[in-house]
Amino acid sequence: MKYGIFVVGLSAELNKMKSNMNYAFASIAKAGIGILLAAAALACNNQGTKPASTAVSADSLQANVEKIVYVNADSLLEKYEYFKDIRARLEEKAKKTQADLQARSTAFQREVAEYQQNAPTMSAADRQSAEERLARKQDELARHNQNASASFAQEEASENEKLYGRITDYLKKHAKENGYKLVLTYSAASPAVLYADESLEITNEVLTALNAEYAKEKKENKK
């Protein structure tokens, strides 16, 4: 293989790897967690509900309407301390992982540049040996990149699942205690609810309870 063609191939692959690395860590737990929150809010809808009679009075209809409430997902995520802690930790890990990958990539690029500089004066055997060594390092760097991205994605998915569980468990309990038949969720990004009277919103009371539970949990863990 001519070293010029080899170097061009390396440069293209490095750019691809850097692009994949940036994509993998560009956004942390936003859309995915928002969708999970929506699912959490809807998960309590089937708790204890029964088919309604087709013939209902105006009073019973009004009573059922009052059993429907909603949670603002945007406000909940913005102010839920547990989510903020998760997001901060994942963002910090993403920065460290990116820095490590960038450092490895930069070191490899230096080796490639050194090879480019010395290749014209190297023997064919030495060039072949150097190219094989760089090719192995390139493969190792690509595998490390993929493994780091996969590990981060797995951890993010695990944290999403924990968040989903915490919110779902509380909403089920809260709905049962207050006799809510339906808990809807609203998000500006995906507005399942186009309009709802503000008197039906329970975001603040849910948020207060969730943060209280989390604060108590953090306090107990420090003991």
C-alpha atoms as a PDB file:
ATOM      1  CA  MET A   1       0.000   0.000   0.000  1.00  0.00           C
ATOM      2  CA  LYS A   2       1.323   3.438  -0.861  1.00  0.00           C
ATOM      3  CA  TYR A   3       1.701   5.532   2.256  1.00  0.00           C
ATOM      4  CA  GLY A   4      -0.192   8.489   0.730  1.00  0.00           C
ATOM      5  CA  ILE A   5      -3.327   6.379   0.238  1.00  0.00           C
ATOM      6  CA  PHE A   6      -2.875   4.897   3.708  1.00  0.00           C
ATOM      7  CA  VAL A   7      -2.717   8.334   5.362  1.00  0.00           C
ATOM      8  CA  VAL A   8      -5.780   9.594   3.495  1.00  0.00           C
ATOM      9  CA  GLY A   9      -7.702   6.555   4.729  1.00  0.00           C
ATOM     10  CA  LEU A  10      -6.576   7.156   8.302  1.00  0.00           C
ATOM     11  CA  SER A  11      -7.606  10.819   8.212  1.00  0.00           C
ATOM     12  CA  ALA A  12     -11.078   9.981   6.908  1.00  0.00           C
ATOM     13  CA  GLU A  13     -11.560   7.311   9.573  1.00  0.00           C
ATOM     14  CA  LEU A  14     -10.379   9.650  12.338  1.00  0.00           C
ATOM     15  CA  ASN A  15     -12.865  12.323  11.265  1.00  0.00           C
ATOM     16  CA  LYS A  16     -15.638   9.722  11.269  1.00  0.00           C
ATOM     17  CA  MET A  17     -14.662   8.542  14.748  1.00  0.00           C
ATOM     18  CA  LYS A  18     -14.581  12.094  16.125  1.00  0.00           C
ATOM     19  CA  SER A  19     -17.995  12.787  14.590  1.00  0.00           C
ATOM     20  CA  ASN A  20     -19.450   9.656  16.202  1.00  0.00           C
ATOM     21  CA  MET A  21     -17.869  10.580  19.524  1.00  0.00           C
ATOM     22  CA  ASN A  22     -19.392  14.064  19.500  1.00  0.00           C
ATOM     23  CA  TYR A  23     -22.803  12.690  18.507  1.00  0.00           C
ATOM     24  CA  ALA A  24     -22.762  10.104  21.279  1.00  0.00           C
ATOM     25  CA  PHE A  25     -22.240  12.686  24.021  1.00  0.00           C
ATOM     26  CA  ALA A  26     -23.880  15.792  22.541  1.00  0.00           C
ATOM     27  CA  SER A  27     -27.143  15.611  24.509  1.00  0.00           C
ATOM     28  CA  ILE A  28     -27.682  14.117  27.931  1.00  0.00           C
ATOM     29  CA  ALA A  29     -30.950  12.607  29.084  1.00  0.00           C
ATOM     30  CA  LYS A  30     -33.412  15.007  27.520  1.00  0.00           C
ATOM     31  CA  ALA A  31     -35.853  13.563  24.995  1.00  0.00           C
ATOM     32  CA  GLY A  32     -35.548  10.018  26.334  1.00  0.00           C
ATOM     33  CA  ILE A  33     -36.294  11.000  29.896  1.00  0.00           C
ATOM     34  CA  GLY A  34     -39.131  13.252  28.768  1.00  0.00           C
ATOM     35  CA  ILE A  35     -40.760  10.321  26.992  1.00  0.00           C
ATOM     36  CA  LEU A  36     -40.288   8.140  30.059  1.00  0.00           C
ATOM     37  CA  LEU A  37     -41.906  10.794  32.203  1.00  0.00           C
ATOM     38  CA  ALA A  38     -44.912  10.837  29.906  1.00  0.00           C
ATOM     39  CA  ALA A  39     -45.148   7.070  30.214  1.00  0.00           C
ATOM     40  CA  ALA A  40     -44.844   7.346  33.982  1.00  0.00           C
ATOM     41  CA  ALA A  41     -47.728   9.776  34.170  1.00  0.00           C
ATOM     42  CA  LEU A  42     -49.911   7.563  32.006  1.00  0.00           C
ATOM     43  CA  ALA A  43     -48.934   4.373  33.821  1.00  0.00           C
ATOM     44  CA  CYS A  44     -51.219   5.165  36.722  1.00  0.00           C
ATOM     45  CA  ASN A  45     -54.225   5.641  34.434  1.00  0.00           C
ATOM     46  CA  ASN A  46     -55.080   1.928  34.510  1.00  0.00           C
ATOM     47  CA  GLN A  47     -54.814   1.609  38.285  1.00  0.00           C
ATOM     48  CA  GLY A  48     -58.221   0.737  39.617  1.00  0.00           C
ATOM     49  CA  THR A  49     -60.216   2.067  36.660  1.00  0.00           C
ATOM     50  CA  LYS A  50     -63.354   0.308  35.422  1.00  0.00           C
ATOM     51  CA  PRO A  51     -65.438   0.739  32.267  1.00  0.00           C
ATOM     52  CA  ALA A  52     -67.893   3.584  32.775  1.00  0.00           C
ATOM     53  CA  SER A  53     -71.611   3.235  32.135  1.00  0.00           C
ATOM     54  CA  THR A  54     -72.790   4.745  28.875  1.00  0.00           C
ATOM     55  CA  ALA A  55     -75.601   6.530  30.698  1.00  0.00           C
ATOM     56  CA  VAL A  56     -74.264   9.061  33.197  1.00  0.00           C
ATOM     57  CA  SER A  57     -75.784  12.064  34.881  1.00  0.00           C
ATOM     58  CA  ALA A  58     -74.395  15.577  34.617  1.00  0.00           C
ATOM     59  CA  ASP A  59     -73.330  15.460  38.282  1.00  0.00           C
ATOM     60  CA  SER A  60     -71.466  12.165  37.901  1.00  0.00           C
ATOM     61  CA  LEU A  61     -69.816  13.420  34.708  1.00  0.00           C
ATOM     62  CA  GLN A  62     -68.602  16.534  36.512  1.00  0.00           C
ATOM     63  CA  ALA A  63     -67.344  14.393  39.374  1.00  0.00           C
ATOM     64  CA  ASN A  64     -65.354  12.232  36.955  1.00  0.00           C
ATOM     65  CA  VAL A  65     -63.913  15.301  35.237  1.00  0.00           C
ATOM     66  CA  GLU A  66     -62.643  16.497  38.584  1.00  0.00           C
ATOM     67  CA  LYS A  67     -60.804  13.195  38.964  1.00  0.00           C
ATOM     68  CA  ILE A  68     -58.665  14.019  35.928  1.00  0.00           C
ATOM     69  CA  VAL A  69     -55.435  15.918  36.615  1.00  0.00           C
ATOM     70  CA  TYR A  70     -52.198  16.630  34.779  1.00  0.00           C
ATOM     71  CA  VAL A  71     -48.506  17.112  35.422  1.00  0.00           C
ATOM     72  CA  ASN A  72     -46.272  19.551  33.554  1.00  0.00           C
ATOM     73  CA  ALA A  73     -43.345  17.344  32.546  1.00  0.00           C
ATOM     74  CA  ASP A  74     -41.102  20.290  31.682  1.00  0.00           C
ATOM     75  CA  SER A  75     -41.489  21.896  35.107  1.00  0.00           C
ATOM     76  CA  LEU A  76     -41.141  18.579  36.891  1.00  0.00           C
ATOM     77  CA  LEU A  77     -37.846  17.716  35.217  1.00  0.00           C
ATOM     78  CA  GLU A  78     -36.516  21.250  35.603  1.00  0.00           C
ATOM     79  CA  LYS A  79     -37.144  21.323  39.344  1.00  0.00           C
ATOM     80  CA  TYR A  80     -36.837  17.678  40.388  1.00  0.00           C
ATOM     81  CA  GLU A  81     -33.593  17.490  42.396  1.00  0.00           C
ATOM     82  CA  TYR A  82     -33.083  13.807  41.645  1.00  0.00           C
ATOM     83  CA  PHE A  83     -33.152  14.471  37.901  1.00  0.00           C
ATOM     84  CA  LYS A  84     -30.833  17.460  38.256  1.00  0.00           C
ATOM     85  CA  ASP A  85     -28.305  15.315  40.124  1.00  0.00           C
ATOM     86  CA  ILE A  86     -28.496  12.583  37.475  1.00  0.00           C
ATOM     87  CA  ARG A  87     -28.081  15.093  34.663  1.00  0.00           C
ATOM     88  CA  ALA A  88     -25.085  16.773  36.321  1.00  0.00           C
ATOM     89  CA  ARG A  89     -23.372  13.436  36.943  1.00  0.00           C
ATOM     90  CA  LEU A  90     -23.948  12.199  33.395  1.00  0.00           C
ATOM     91  CA  GLU A  91     -22.768  15.484  31.904  1.00  0.00           C
ATOM     92  CA  GLU A  92     -19.597  15.363  33.995  1.00  0.00           C
ATOM     93  CA  LYS A  93     -18.925  11.774  32.948  1.00  0.00           C
ATOM     94  CA  ALA A  94     -19.553  12.676  29.297  1.00  0.00           C
ATOM     95  CA  LYS A  95     -17.030  15.524  29.496  1.00  0.00           C
ATOM     96  CA  LYS A  96     -14.375  13.258  31.024  1.00  0.00           C
ATOM     97  CA  THR A  97     -15.018  10.535  28.468  1.00  0.00           C
ATOM     98  CA  GLN A  98     -14.847  13.004  25.610  1.00  0.00           C
ATOM     99  CA  ALA A  99     -11.594  14.444  26.967  1.00  0.00           C
ATOM    100  CA  ASP A 100     -10.085  10.955  27.199  1.00  0.00           C
ATOM    101  CA  LEU A 101     -11.154  10.058  23.664  1.00  0.00           C
ATOM    102  CA  GLN A 102      -9.883  13.386  22.330  1.00  0.00           C
ATOM    103  CA  ALA A 103      -6.519  12.877  24.028  1.00  0.00           C
ATOM    104  CA  ARG A 104      -6.184   9.394  22.512  1.00  0.00           C
ATOM    105  CA  SER A 105      -7.184  10.709  19.094  1.00  0.00           C
ATOM    106  CA  THR A 106      -4.696  13.595  19.289  1.00  0.00           C
ATOM    107  CA  ALA A 107      -1.863  11.254  20.281  1.00  0.00           C
ATOM    108  CA  PHE A 108      -2.687   8.975  17.371  1.00  0.00           C
ATOM    109  CA  GLN A 109      -2.801  11.893  14.952  1.00  0.00           C
ATOM    110  CA  ARG A 110       0.683  12.902  16.102  1.00  0.00           C
ATOM    111  CA  GLU A 111       1.937   9.416  15.277  1.00  0.00           C
ATOM    112  CA  VAL A 112       0.317   9.606  11.853  1.00  0.00           C
ATOM    113  CA  ALA A 113       1.902  13.019  11.217  1.00  0.00           C
ATOM    114  CA  GLU A 114       5.285  11.686  12.273  1.00  0.00           C
ATOM    115  CA  TYR A 115       4.869   8.779   9.897  1.00  0.00           C
ATOM    116  CA  GLN A 116       3.944  11.147   7.066  1.00  0.00           C
ATOM    117  CA  GLN A 117       7.064  13.167   7.706  1.00  0.00           C
ATOM    118  CA  ASN A 118       9.406  10.177   7.807  1.00  0.00           C
ATOM    119  CA  ALA A 119       7.777   7.919   5.205  1.00  0.00           C
ATOM    120  CA  PRO A 120       9.607   9.323   2.135  1.00  0.00           C
ATOM    121  CA  THR A 121      12.975   8.347   3.635  1.00  0.00           C
ATOM    122  CA  MET A 122      11.858   4.986   5.058  1.00  0.00           C
ATOM    123  CA  SER A 123      12.487   1.653   3.406  1.00  0.00           C
ATOM    124  CA  ALA A 124       9.520  -0.282   2.017  1.00  0.00           C
ATOM    125  CA  ALA A 125       9.789  -2.795   4.847  1.00  0.00           C
ATOM    126  CA  ASP A 126       9.828  -0.063   7.505  1.00  0.00           C
ATOM    127  CA  ARG A 127       6.847   1.679   5.900  1.00  0.00           C
ATOM    128  CA  GLN A 128       4.876  -1.553   5.849  1.00  0.00           C
ATOM    129  CA  SER A 129       5.703  -2.219   9.496  1.00  0.00           C
ATOM    130  CA  ALA A 130       4.726   1.332  10.511  1.00  0.00           C
ATOM    131  CA  GLU A 131       1.476   1.150   8.543  1.00  0.00           C
ATOM    132  CA  GLU A 132       0.521  -2.155  10.147  1.00  0.00           C
ATOM    133  CA  ARG A 133       1.243  -0.709  13.596  1.00  0.00           C
ATOM    134  CA  LEU A 134      -0.830   2.416  12.903  1.00  0.00           C
ATOM    135  CA  ALA A 135      -3.655   0.314  11.489  1.00  0.00           C
ATOM    136  CA  ARG A 136      -3.746  -1.727  14.703  1.00  0.00           C
ATOM    137  CA  LYS A 137      -3.789   1.433  16.807  1.00  0.00           C
ATOM    138  CA  GLN A 138      -6.554   2.838  14.647  1.00  0.00           C
ATOM    139  CA  ASP A 139      -8.666  -0.275  15.246  1.00  0.00           C
ATOM    140  CA  GLU A 140      -7.952  -0.119  18.981  1.00  0.00           C
ATOM    141  CA  LEU A 141      -9.000   3.537  19.096  1.00  0.00           C
ATOM    142  CA  ALA A 142     -12.214   2.775  17.200  1.00  0.00           C
ATOM    143  CA  ARG A 143     -13.073  -0.087  19.581  1.00  0.00           C
ATOM    144  CA  HIS A 144     -12.348   2.089  22.602  1.00  0.00           C
ATOM    145  CA  ASN A 145     -14.619   4.792  21.175  1.00  0.00           C
ATOM    146  CA  GLN A 146     -17.436   2.316  20.540  1.00  0.00           C
ATOM    147  CA  ASN A 147     -17.091   0.719  23.979  1.00  0.00           C
ATOM    148  CA  ALA A 148     -17.126   4.106  25.715  1.00  0.00           C
ATOM    149  CA  SER A 149     -20.218   5.204  23.805  1.00  0.00           C
ATOM    150  CA  ALA A 150     -22.005   1.915  24.493  1.00  0.00           C
ATOM    151  CA  SER A 151     -21.123   2.049  28.191  1.00  0.00           C
ATOM    152  CA  PHE A 152     -22.408   5.603  28.492  1.00  0.00           C
ATOM    153  CA  ALA A 153     -25.637   4.767  26.642  1.00  0.00           C
ATOM    154  CA  GLN A 154     -26.206   1.788  28.930  1.00  0.00           C
ATOM    155  CA  GLU A 155     -25.711   3.881  32.053  1.00  0.00           C
ATOM    156  CA  GLU A 156     -28.027   6.599  30.726  1.00  0.00           C
ATOM    157  CA  ALA A 157     -30.714   3.988  29.980  1.00  0.00           C
ATOM    158  CA  SER A 158     -30.333   2.597  33.501  1.00  0.00           C
ATOM    159  CA  GLU A 159     -30.759   6.055  35.035  1.00  0.00           C
ATOM    160  CA  ASN A 160     -33.814   6.682  32.836  1.00  0.00           C
ATOM    161  CA  GLU A 161     -35.361   3.480  34.120  1.00  0.00           C
ATOM    162  CA  LYS A 162     -34.721   4.477  37.735  1.00  0.00           C
ATOM    163  CA  LEU A 163     -36.260   7.901  37.142  1.00  0.00           C
ATOM    164  CA  TYR A 164     -39.275   6.310  35.477  1.00  0.00           C
ATOM    165  CA  GLY A 165     -39.719   3.972  38.448  1.00  0.00           C
ATOM    166  CA  ARG A 166     -39.532   6.729  41.044  1.00  0.00           C
ATOM    167  CA  ILE A 167     -42.071   8.944  39.303  1.00  0.00           C
ATOM    168  CA  THR A 168     -44.417   6.094  38.399  1.00  0.00           C
ATOM    169  CA  ASP A 169     -44.440   4.681  41.920  1.00  0.00           C
ATOM    170  CA  TYR A 170     -45.247   8.043  43.434  1.00  0.00           C
ATOM    171  CA  LEU A 171     -47.937   8.945  40.887  1.00  0.00           C
ATOM    172  CA  LYS A 172     -49.702   5.624  41.413  1.00  0.00           C
ATOM    173  CA  LYS A 173     -49.719   6.186  45.167  1.00  0.00           C
ATOM    174  CA  HIS A 174     -50.737   9.837  44.850  1.00  0.00           C
ATOM    175  CA  ALA A 175     -53.545   9.036  42.401  1.00  0.00           C
ATOM    176  CA  LYS A 176     -54.932   6.325  44.677  1.00  0.00           C
ATOM    177  CA  GLU A 177     -54.813   8.528  47.774  1.00  0.00           C
ATOM    178  CA  ASN A 178     -56.633  11.366  46.011  1.00  0.00           C
ATOM    179  CA  GLY A 179     -59.046   9.338  43.913  1.00  0.00           C
ATOM    180  CA  TYR A 180     -57.656  10.471  40.578  1.00  0.00           C
ATOM    181  CA  LYS A 181     -58.933   8.414  37.666  1.00  0.00           C
ATOM    182  CA  LEU A 182     -56.607   9.846  35.053  1.00  0.00           C
ATOM    183  CA  VAL A 183     -53.210  11.571  35.275  1.00  0.00           C
ATOM    184  CA  LEU A 184     -52.150  13.273  32.066  1.00  0.00           C
ATOM    185  CA  THR A 185     -48.802  14.839  31.231  1.00  0.00           C
ATOM    186  CA  TYR A 186     -47.992  18.016  29.343  1.00  0.00           C
ATOM    187  CA  SER A 187     -44.734  18.910  27.605  1.00  0.00           C
ATOM    188  CA  ALA A 188     -44.051  21.764  25.204  1.00  0.00           C
ATOM    189  CA  ALA A 189     -42.023  19.393  23.026  1.00  0.00           C
ATOM    190  CA  SER A 190     -44.848  16.844  22.730  1.00  0.00           C
ATOM    191  CA  PRO A 191     -48.117  18.409  23.942  1.00  0.00           C
ATOM    192  CA  ALA A 192     -50.490  15.476  24.456  1.00  0.00           C
ATOM    193  CA  VAL A 193     -52.771  17.966  26.215  1.00  0.00           C
ATOM    194  CA  LEU A 194     -53.700  21.008  24.123  1.00  0.00           C
ATOM    195  CA  TYR A 195     -55.550  22.802  26.914  1.00  0.00           C
ATOM    196  CA  ALA A 196     -56.312  22.160  30.556  1.00  0.00           C
ATOM    197  CA  ASP A 197     -57.657  24.346  33.315  1.00  0.00           C
ATOM    198  CA  GLU A 198     -54.883  25.306  35.744  1.00  0.00           C
ATOM    199  CA  SER A 199     -56.972  24.031  38.626  1.00  0.00           C
ATOM    200  CA  LEU A 200     -56.358  20.494  37.318  1.00  0.00           C
ATOM    201  CA  GLU A 201     -52.559  20.805  37.478  1.00  0.00           C
ATOM    202  CA  ILE A 202     -50.847  18.914  40.305  1.00  0.00           C
ATOM    203  CA  THR A 203     -47.223  19.499  39.262  1.00  0.00           C
ATOM    204  CA  ASN A 204     -46.249  21.480  42.354  1.00  0.00           C
ATOM    205  CA  GLU A 205     -47.671  19.038  44.865  1.00  0.00           C
ATOM    206  CA  VAL A 206     -46.064  16.103  43.049  1.00  0.00           C
ATOM    207  CA  LEU A 207     -42.761  17.959  42.807  1.00  0.00           C
ATOM    208  CA  THR A 208     -42.815  18.920  46.483  1.00  0.00           C
ATOM    209  CA  ALA A 209     -43.428  15.326  47.533  1.00  0.00           C
ATOM    210  CA  LEU A 210     -40.795  13.865  45.184  1.00  0.00           C
ATOM    211  CA  ASN A 211     -38.146  16.344  46.320  1.00  0.00           C
ATOM    212  CA  ALA A 212     -39.009  15.696  49.973  1.00  0.00           C
ATOM    213  CA  GLU A 213     -38.611  11.957  49.447  1.00  0.00           C
ATOM    214  CA  TYR A 214     -35.299  12.442  47.655  1.00  0.00           C
ATOM    215  CA  ALA A 215     -33.950  14.834  50.305  1.00  0.00           C
ATOM    216  CA  LYS A 216     -34.817  12.309  53.002  1.00  0.00           C
ATOM    217  CA  GLU A 217     -33.138   9.549  51.018  1.00  0.00           C
ATOM    218  CA  LYS A 218     -29.946  11.590  50.509  1.00  0.00           C
ATOM    219  CA  LYS A 219     -29.859  12.441  54.201  1.00  0.00           C
ATOM    220  CA  GLU A 220     -30.184   8.793  55.201  1.00  0.00           C
ATOM    221  CA  ASN A 221     -27.473   7.741  52.752  1.00  0.00           C
ATOM    222  CA  LYS A 222     -25.020  10.180  54.337  1.00  0.00           C
ATOM    223  CA  LYS A 223     -25.371   8.546  57.758  1.00  0.00           C
END
